[in-house]
C-alpha atoms as a PDB file:
ATOM      1  CA  MET A   1      -4.126  61.456 -16.781  1.00  0.00           C
ATOM      2  CA  ARG A   2      -7.853  63.498 -17.338  1.00  0.00           C
ATOM      3  CA  MET A   3      -9.231  60.215 -19.494  1.00  0.00           C
ATOM      4  CA  VAL A   4      -7.196  58.066 -16.327  1.00  0.00           C
ATOM      5  CA  GLY A   5      -9.936  61.055 -13.849  1.00  0.00           C
ATOM      6  CA  LYS A   6     -12.526  60.646 -15.922  1.00  0.00           C
ATOM      7  CA  LEU A   7     -12.860  57.013 -16.148  1.00  0.00           C
ATOM      8  CA  TRP A   8     -12.412  56.327 -11.964  1.00  0.00           C
ATOM      9  CA  ARG A   9     -14.685  59.047 -11.061  1.00  0.00           C
ATOM     10  CA  ASP A  10     -17.546  57.276 -13.728  1.00  0.00           C
ATOM     11  CA  ASN A  11     -16.454  53.754 -12.982  1.00  0.00           C
ATOM     12  CA  LYS A  12     -15.456  54.263  -9.422  1.00  0.00           C
ATOM     13  CA  SER A  13     -17.772  51.457  -8.112  1.00  0.00           C
ATOM     14  CA  LEU A  14     -17.210  48.713 -10.676  1.00  0.00           C
ATOM     15  CA  ILE A  15     -13.852  49.324 -10.896  1.00  0.00           C
ATOM     16  CA  ALA A  16     -13.718  48.965  -6.475  1.00  0.00           C
ATOM     17  CA  PHE A  17     -15.865  45.976  -7.055  1.00  0.00           C
ATOM     18  CA  ILE A  18     -13.494  44.332  -9.382  1.00  0.00           C
ATOM     19  CA  PHE A  19     -10.625  44.808  -7.349  1.00  0.00           C
ATOM     20  CA  LEU A  20     -12.173  43.346  -4.213  1.00  0.00           C
ATOM     21  CA  MET A  21     -13.451  40.363  -6.488  1.00  0.00           C
ATOM     22  CA  VAL A  22      -9.884  39.790  -7.584  1.00  0.00           C
ATOM     23  CA  LEU A  23      -8.219  39.906  -3.843  1.00  0.00           C
ATOM     24  CA  PHE A  24     -11.301  38.090  -2.834  1.00  0.00           C
ATOM     25  CA  ARG A  25     -10.625  35.595  -4.856  1.00  0.00           C
ATOM     26  CA  SER A  26      -6.849  35.092  -4.493  1.00  0.00           C
ATOM     27  CA  ALA A  27      -6.406  34.987  -0.962  1.00  0.00           C
ATOM     28  CA  ILE A  28     -10.533  33.786   0.509  1.00  0.00           C
ATOM     29  CA  ALA A  29     -12.138  31.189  -1.789  1.00  0.00           C
ATOM     30  CA  ASP A  30     -11.978  30.796  -5.315  1.00  0.00           C
ATOM     31  CA  TRP A  31     -13.771  28.180  -7.994  1.00  0.00           C
ATOM     32  CA  ASN A  32     -11.274  26.579 -10.728  1.00  0.00           C
ATOM     33  CA  VAL A  33     -12.324  24.554 -13.888  1.00  0.00           C
ATOM     34  CA  VAL A  34     -11.491  21.500 -13.763  1.00  0.00           C
ATOM     35  CA  PRO A  35      -9.850  20.489 -17.421  1.00  0.00           C
ATOM     36  CA  SER A  36      -8.709  17.304 -16.837  1.00  0.00           C
ATOM     37  CA  GLY A  37     -10.386  13.480 -15.885  1.00  0.00           C
ATOM     38  CA  SER A  38      -7.637  12.650 -12.806  1.00  0.00           C
ATOM     39  CA  MET A  39      -9.538  12.824 -10.089  1.00  0.00           C
ATOM     40  CA  LEU A  40     -12.609  10.439 -11.656  1.00  0.00           C
ATOM     41  CA  PRO A  41     -14.987  10.014 -10.464  1.00  0.00           C
ATOM     42  CA  THR A  42     -15.420  12.212  -7.594  1.00  0.00           C
ATOM     43  CA  ILE A  43     -14.399  15.468  -9.930  1.00  0.00           C
ATOM     44  CA  ARG A  44     -15.662  15.274 -13.419  1.00  0.00           C
ATOM     45  CA  GLU A  45     -14.255  17.080 -16.217  1.00  0.00           C
ATOM     46  CA  GLY A  46     -15.889  20.309 -16.338  1.00  0.00           C
ATOM     47  CA  ASP A  47     -16.872  20.719 -13.066  1.00  0.00           C
ATOM     48  CA  ARG A  48     -15.808  24.041 -11.085  1.00  0.00           C
ATOM     49  CA  ILE A  49     -14.945  23.491  -7.621  1.00  0.00           C
ATOM     50  CA  LEU A  50     -15.106  25.991  -4.752  1.00  0.00           C
ATOM     51  CA  VAL A  51     -11.644  26.266  -3.535  1.00  0.00           C
ATOM     52  CA  ASP A  52     -11.365  27.905   0.632  1.00  0.00           C
ATOM     53  CA  LYS A  53      -8.030  29.417   0.226  1.00  0.00           C
ATOM     54  CA  MET A  54      -8.358  29.900   4.005  1.00  0.00           C
ATOM     55  CA  ALA A  55      -8.302  26.152   4.846  1.00  0.00           C
ATOM     56  CA  TYR A  56      -5.020  26.284   5.787  1.00  0.00           C
ATOM     57  CA  ASP A  57      -3.073  29.865   6.019  1.00  0.00           C
ATOM     58  CA  LEU A  58      -4.201  33.307   5.363  1.00  0.00           C
ATOM     59  CA  ARG A  59      -1.681  34.762   2.267  1.00  0.00           C
ATOM     60  CA  VAL A  60      -0.613  37.929   0.792  1.00  0.00           C
ATOM     61  CA  PRO A  61      -3.207  38.238  -1.861  1.00  0.00           C
ATOM     62  CA  PHE A  62      -1.046  37.207  -5.391  1.00  0.00           C
ATOM     63  CA  THR A  63       1.400  35.433  -3.602  1.00  0.00           C
ATOM     64  CA  HIS A  64       2.433  32.089  -1.317  1.00  0.00           C
ATOM     65  CA  VAL A  65       3.392  33.986   1.491  1.00  0.00           C
ATOM     66  CA  ALA A  66       1.229  32.787   4.518  1.00  0.00           C
ATOM     67  CA  LEU A  67       0.734  36.007   6.882  1.00  0.00           C
ATOM     68  CA  VAL A  68      -1.207  33.446   9.392  1.00  0.00           C
ATOM     69  CA  HIS A  69      -1.294  29.614   9.539  1.00  0.00           C
ATOM     70  CA  LEU A  70      -4.511  28.149  10.241  1.00  0.00           C
ATOM     71  CA  GLY A  71      -3.675  24.472   9.616  1.00  0.00           C
ATOM     72  CA  ASP A  72      -2.340  22.056   8.072  1.00  0.00           C
ATOM     73  CA  PRO A  73      -3.657  19.224   5.132  1.00  0.00           C
ATOM     74  CA  GLN A  74      -5.566  15.559   6.971  1.00  0.00           C
ATOM     75  CA  ARG A  75      -5.260  12.459   4.939  1.00  0.00           C
ATOM     76  CA  GLY A  76      -8.445  12.345   2.563  1.00  0.00           C
ATOM     77  CA  ASP A  77      -8.306  16.396   1.599  1.00  0.00           C
ATOM     78  CA  ILE A  78      -9.112  17.626  -1.810  1.00  0.00           C
ATOM     79  CA  VAL A  79      -6.687  20.073  -2.102  1.00  0.00           C
ATOM     80  CA  THR A  80      -4.889  22.678  -5.117  1.00  0.00           C
ATOM     81  CA  ILE A  81      -1.251  22.915  -5.820  1.00  0.00           C
ATOM     82  CA  ASP A  82       0.300  25.927  -7.437  1.00  0.00           C
ATOM     83  CA  SER A  83       2.983  22.808  -8.221  1.00  0.00           C
ATOM     84  CA  SER A  84       6.257  23.893  -9.484  1.00  0.00           C
ATOM     85  CA  ALA A  85       7.265  20.518 -10.971  1.00  0.00           C
ATOM     86  CA  ALA A  86       4.212  20.172 -12.872  1.00  0.00           C
ATOM     87  CA  HIS A  87       4.091  23.757 -13.804  1.00  0.00           C
ATOM     88  CA  GLU A  88       0.176  24.236 -13.546  1.00  0.00           C
ATOM     89  CA  LEU A  89      -2.448  24.334 -10.950  1.00  0.00           C
ATOM     90  CA  LEU A  90      -3.310  20.500  -9.668  1.00  0.00           C
ATOM     91  CA  VAL A  91      -6.118  19.310  -8.097  1.00  0.00           C
ATOM     92  CA  LYS A  92      -5.166  15.939  -5.660  1.00  0.00           C
ATOM     93  CA  ARG A  93      -6.148  14.144  -3.076  1.00  0.00           C
ATOM     94  CA  VAL A  94      -3.639  14.196  -0.302  1.00  0.00           C
ATOM     95  CA  ILE A  95      -2.994  10.221   0.733  1.00  0.00           C
ATOM     96  CA  GLY A  96       0.067  10.902   2.764  1.00  0.00           C
ATOM     97  CA  VAL A  97       1.227  13.698   5.468  1.00  0.00           C
ATOM     98  CA  PRO A  98       4.632  13.983   6.661  1.00  0.00           C
ATOM     99  CA  GLY A  99       6.326  10.947   9.025  1.00  0.00           C
ATOM    100  CA  ASP A 100       3.261   8.828   6.791  1.00  0.00           C
ATOM    101  CA  ARG A 101       4.908   5.439   5.274  1.00  0.00           C
ATOM    102  CA  ILE A 102       3.228   5.042   1.764  1.00  0.00           C
ATOM    103  CA  ALA A 103       3.296   2.324  -0.580  1.00  0.00           C
ATOM    104  CA  LEU A 104       0.726   1.165  -3.553  1.00  0.00           C
ATOM    105  CA  ARG A 105       0.537  -2.964  -4.714  1.00  0.00           C
ATOM    106  CA  GLU A 106      -0.955  -3.316  -7.729  1.00  0.00           C
ATOM    107  CA  ASN A 107      -3.402  -0.328  -7.042  1.00  0.00           C
ATOM    108  CA  VAL A 108      -3.792  -1.352  -3.240  1.00  0.00           C
ATOM    109  CA  LEU A 109      -2.707   1.252  -1.085  1.00  0.00           C
ATOM    110  CA  TYR A 110      -1.202   0.853   2.200  1.00  0.00           C
ATOM    111  CA  VAL A 111      -0.823   3.408   5.173  1.00  0.00           C
ATOM    112  CA  ASN A 112       1.650   3.070   7.505  1.00  0.00           C
ATOM    113  CA  GLY A 113       1.694  -0.698   6.830  1.00  0.00           C
ATOM    114  CA  VAL A 114      -1.767  -1.098   7.050  1.00  0.00           C
ATOM    115  CA  ARG A 115      -3.815  -1.924   4.331  1.00  0.00           C
ATOM    116  CA  ALA A 116      -6.677   0.251   2.647  1.00  0.00           C
ATOM    117  CA  ASP A 117      -9.919  -1.725   2.864  1.00  0.00           C
ATOM    118  CA  TYR A 118     -11.772  -1.915  -0.574  1.00  0.00           C
ATOM    119  CA  GLN A 119     -15.415  -2.323  -1.623  1.00  0.00           C
ATOM    120  CA  PRO A 120     -16.939  -2.139  -4.760  1.00  0.00           C
ATOM    121  CA  LEU A 121     -19.670   0.021  -6.138  1.00  0.00           C
ATOM    122  CA  ALA A 122     -23.038  -1.990  -7.145  1.00  0.00           C
ATOM    123  CA  SER A 123     -22.787   0.001 -10.102  1.00  0.00           C
ATOM    124  CA  ALA A 124     -20.484   2.828 -11.885  1.00  0.00           C
ATOM    125  CA  PRO A 125     -21.243   6.274 -10.312  1.00  0.00           C
ATOM    126  CA  MET A 126     -21.381   8.059 -13.520  1.00  0.00           C
ATOM    127  CA  ALA A 127     -24.358   7.598 -16.037  1.00  0.00           C
ATOM    128  CA  ASP A 128     -21.994   9.298 -18.770  1.00  0.00           C
ATOM    129  CA  GLU A 129     -19.190   6.131 -18.288  1.00  0.00           C
ATOM    130  CA  PRO A 130     -16.001   6.803 -20.280  1.00  0.00           C
ATOM    131  CA  ALA A 131     -15.145   4.619 -23.120  1.00  0.00           C
ATOM    132  CA  ALA A 132     -12.717   2.456 -21.773  1.00  0.00           C
ATOM    133  CA  PRO A 133     -14.420   0.222 -19.305  1.00  0.00           C
ATOM    134  CA  ALA A 134     -13.170   0.340 -15.870  1.00  0.00           C
ATOM    135  CA  GLU A 135     -13.757  -1.027 -11.973  1.00  0.00           C
ATOM    136  CA  TYR A 136     -15.044   1.655  -9.468  1.00  0.00           C
ATOM    137  CA  LEU A 137     -14.259   0.896  -5.379  1.00  0.00           C
ATOM    138  CA  THR A 138     -14.846   2.725  -2.185  1.00  0.00           C
ATOM    139  CA  GLU A 139     -10.947   3.060  -0.753  1.00  0.00           C
ATOM    140  CA  ARG A 140     -11.070   3.607   3.261  1.00  0.00           C
ATOM    141  CA  PHE A 141      -8.423   4.121   5.502  1.00  0.00           C
ATOM    142  CA  ASP A 142      -7.780   5.660   8.941  1.00  0.00           C
ATOM    143  CA  GLY A 143     -11.556   6.664   8.668  1.00  0.00           C
ATOM    144  CA  VAL A 144     -11.696   8.614   5.243  1.00  0.00           C
ATOM    145  CA  ALA A 145     -13.531   7.075   2.548  1.00  0.00           C
ATOM    146  CA  HIS A 146     -13.879   7.727  -1.337  1.00  0.00           C
ATOM    147  CA  THR A 147     -14.411   6.118  -4.654  1.00  0.00           C
ATOM    148  CA  VAL A 148     -11.545   5.565  -6.903  1.00  0.00           C
ATOM    149  CA  ARG A 149     -11.236   4.652 -10.667  1.00  0.00           C
ATOM    150  CA  LEU A 150      -9.213   1.218 -11.817  1.00  0.00           C
ATOM    151  CA  SER A 151      -8.354   1.193 -15.532  1.00  0.00           C
ATOM    152  CA  GLU A 152      -9.866  -2.271 -16.786  1.00  0.00           C
ATOM    153  CA  ILE A 153      -7.389  -2.294 -19.900  1.00  0.00           C
ATOM    154  CA  ALA A 154      -5.299  -0.074 -19.000  1.00  0.00           C
ATOM    155  CA  PRO A 155      -3.296  -0.110 -15.732  1.00  0.00           C
ATOM    156  CA  SER A 156      -0.971   2.967 -14.908  1.00  0.00           C
ATOM    157  CA  PRO A 157       2.804   1.722 -14.852  1.00  0.00           C
ATOM    158  CA  ARG A 158       3.405   2.676 -11.395  1.00  0.00           C
ATOM    159  CA  SER A 159       0.569   1.333 -10.124  1.00  0.00           C
ATOM    160  CA  THR A 160       3.124  -0.351  -7.846  1.00  0.00           C
ATOM    161  CA  PHE A 161       4.805   2.760  -5.814  1.00  0.00           C
ATOM    162  CA  GLY A 162       7.003   2.711  -2.601  1.00  0.00           C
ATOM    163  CA  PRO A 163       7.040   2.406   0.030  1.00  0.00           C
ATOM    164  CA  VAL A 164       8.393   6.153   0.624  1.00  0.00           C
ATOM    165  CA  ILE A 165       8.477   7.830   3.966  1.00  0.00           C
ATOM    166  CA  VAL A 166       6.869  11.769   3.535  1.00  0.00           C
ATOM    167  CA  PRO A 167       9.598  14.451   4.172  1.00  0.00           C
ATOM    168  CA  PRO A 168       8.747  17.220   7.045  1.00  0.00           C
ATOM    169  CA  GLY A 169       6.819  19.654   5.316  1.00  0.00           C
ATOM    170  CA  GLU A 170       5.770  17.503   2.606  1.00  0.00           C
ATOM    171  CA  TYR A 171       2.985  15.931   1.250  1.00  0.00           C
ATOM    172  CA  LEU A 172       1.854  12.837  -1.360  1.00  0.00           C
ATOM    173  CA  MET A 173      -0.666  13.005  -3.430  1.00  0.00           C
ATOM    174  CA  LEU A 174      -3.153  10.780  -5.514  1.00  0.00           C
ATOM    175  CA  GLY A 175      -5.587  11.689  -8.130  1.00  0.00           C
ATOM    176  CA  ASP A 176      -8.754   9.578  -7.442  1.00  0.00           C
ATOM    177  CA  ASN A 177      -8.471   7.985 -10.923  1.00  0.00           C
ATOM    178  CA  ARG A 178      -5.318   5.707 -10.263  1.00  0.00           C
ATOM    179  CA  ASP A 179      -4.773   5.249 -13.555  1.00  0.00           C
ATOM    180  CA  ASP A 180      -4.749   8.263 -15.268  1.00  0.00           C
ATOM    181  CA  SER A 181      -3.424  10.676 -12.787  1.00  0.00           C
ATOM    182  CA  ALA A 182       0.329  12.358 -12.979  1.00  0.00           C
ATOM    183  CA  ASP A 183       0.841  13.132  -9.034  1.00  0.00           C
ATOM    184  CA  SER A 184       3.143  12.121  -6.347  1.00  0.00           C
ATOM    185  CA  ARG A 185       4.244   9.208  -8.087  1.00  0.00           C
ATOM    186  CA  TYR A 186       6.182  11.152 -11.272  1.00  0.00           C
ATOM    187  CA  PHE A 187       6.425  14.522  -9.529  1.00  0.00           C
ATOM    188  CA  GLY A 188       7.635  13.324  -6.001  1.00  0.00           C
ATOM    189  CA  PHE A 189       6.599  15.143  -2.962  1.00  0.00           C
ATOM    190  CA  PHE A 190       4.537  18.179  -2.514  1.00  0.00           C
ATOM    191  CA  PRO A 191       5.901  21.151  -0.200  1.00  0.00           C
ATOM    192  CA  ARG A 192       3.161  22.836   1.933  1.00  0.00           C
ATOM    193  CA  SER A 193       4.048  25.735   0.337  1.00  0.00           C
ATOM    194  CA  GLU A 194       2.462  24.819  -2.736  1.00  0.00           C
ATOM    195  CA  VAL A 195      -0.934  23.847  -1.288  1.00  0.00           C
ATOM    196  CA  MET A 196      -3.469  26.677  -1.950  1.00  0.00           C
ATOM    197  CA  GLY A 197      -6.670  25.614  -0.793  1.00  0.00           C
ATOM    198  CA  ARG A 198      -9.117  22.712   0.220  1.00  0.00           C
ATOM    199  CA  THR A 199     -12.147  21.697  -1.881  1.00  0.00           C
ATOM    200  CA  ARG A 200     -15.219  19.760  -0.741  1.00  0.00           C
ATOM    201  CA  ARG A 201     -18.034  20.807  -3.042  1.00  0.00           C
ATOM    202  CA  VAL A 202     -18.533  21.425  -6.699  1.00  0.00           C
ATOM    203  CA  ALA A 203     -19.650  25.167  -7.248  1.00  0.00           C
ATOM    204  CA  TYR A 204     -21.743  24.065 -11.095  1.00  0.00           C
ATOM    205  CA  SER A 205     -20.271  21.903 -13.647  1.00  0.00           C
ATOM    206  CA  LEU A 206     -20.763  21.751 -17.875  1.00  0.00           C
ATOM    207  CA  ASP A 207     -20.470  19.330 -19.802  1.00  0.00           C
ATOM    208  CA  PRO A 208     -18.139  19.001 -22.269  1.00  0.00           C
ATOM    209  CA  ASP A 209     -19.139  16.177 -24.045  1.00  0.00           C
ATOM    210  CA  ARG A 210     -22.915  18.199 -24.511  1.00  0.00           C
ATOM    211  CA  ASP A 211     -21.900  21.291 -25.557  1.00  0.00           C
ATOM    212  CA  TYR A 212     -21.318  22.324 -21.925  1.00  0.00           C
ATOM    213  CA  LEU A 213     -25.153  21.777 -21.028  1.00  0.00           C
ATOM    214  CA  PRO A 214     -25.147  22.424 -17.351  1.00  0.00           C
ATOM    215  CA  ARG A 215     -25.075  19.097 -15.084  1.00  0.00           C
ATOM    216  CA  MET A 216     -27.841  20.355 -13.146  1.00  0.00           C
ATOM    217  CA  SER A 217     -27.474  17.538 -10.331  1.00  0.00           C
ATOM    218  CA  ARG A 218     -23.402  18.428 -10.107  1.00  0.00           C
ATOM    219  CA  PHE A 219     -24.436  21.808  -9.080  1.00  0.00           C
ATOM    220  CA  GLY A 220     -23.799  22.349  -4.940  1.00  0.00           C
ATOM    221  CA  SER A 221     -22.560  18.352  -4.295  1.00  0.00           C
ATOM    222  CA  LEU A 222     -20.182  17.631  -2.083  1.00  0.00           C
ATOM    223  CA  LEU A 223     -17.101  15.823  -3.309  1.00  0.00           C
ATOM    224  CA  ASP A 224     -17.484  13.216  -0.657  1.00  0.00           C
ATOM    225  CA  MET A 225     -19.228  11.615   1.964  1.00  0.00           C
ATOM    226  CA  PRO A 226     -19.502  13.606   5.629  1.00  0.00           C
ATOM    227  CA  ALA A 227     -17.139  12.476   7.591  1.00  0.00           C
ATOM    228  CA  PRO A 228     -18.958  10.424   9.651  1.00  0.00           C
ATOM    229  CA  LEU A 229     -20.572   8.535   7.463  1.00  0.00           C
ATOM    230  CA  ALA A 230     -16.753   7.805   5.776  1.00  0.00           C
ATOM    231  CA  ALA A 231     -15.673   6.456   9.649  1.00  0.00           C
ATOM    232  CA  ARG A 232     -18.458   3.777   9.783  1.00  0.00           C
END
């Protein structure tokens, strides 16, 4: 006990700082490492994304227990999900909110019977394009615009999906890398209680293919274009 007391006296400022930082990251804001390419090209492998833990709820730290309900995920939001079905933390885009009717037809999205609009990009948005060739399109629906990646040689076996109705209290999520994403097509709908936060920006990025050198152009970058531009 003497040793513990001495350790506290000698390091109480550091210990208090660490404790408060852990609480902050658990309940208010955090950064998450993205280890996979399921959200390419929006989020790249090696990105560290900023996560707003208070975007939708104020929670008891280290739990899923919500103290205050602050809002609900909206179509187009990029969210983190503590998924019991996947047994890991996922990062996906909200495509369907409760009551929506969602379908994919050969990677063409339909929201409540309305076909999303697609425009090809003039050039690939990634200088270090993965080895597998892909097509990049701007997908627009319900005032939301973002880029999706479609494989040119290995389309997903679930590029056609639904239609399904999103139940109350649940959400349908997809990855932007539509042919290489384990999402609601595989795990089903995600409960509202498993949505842990929203991300809109990269904190910093390290390139795993270049000995984890920093990608300076990614530091602080927005993941999507601002909403007013996306709605035009």
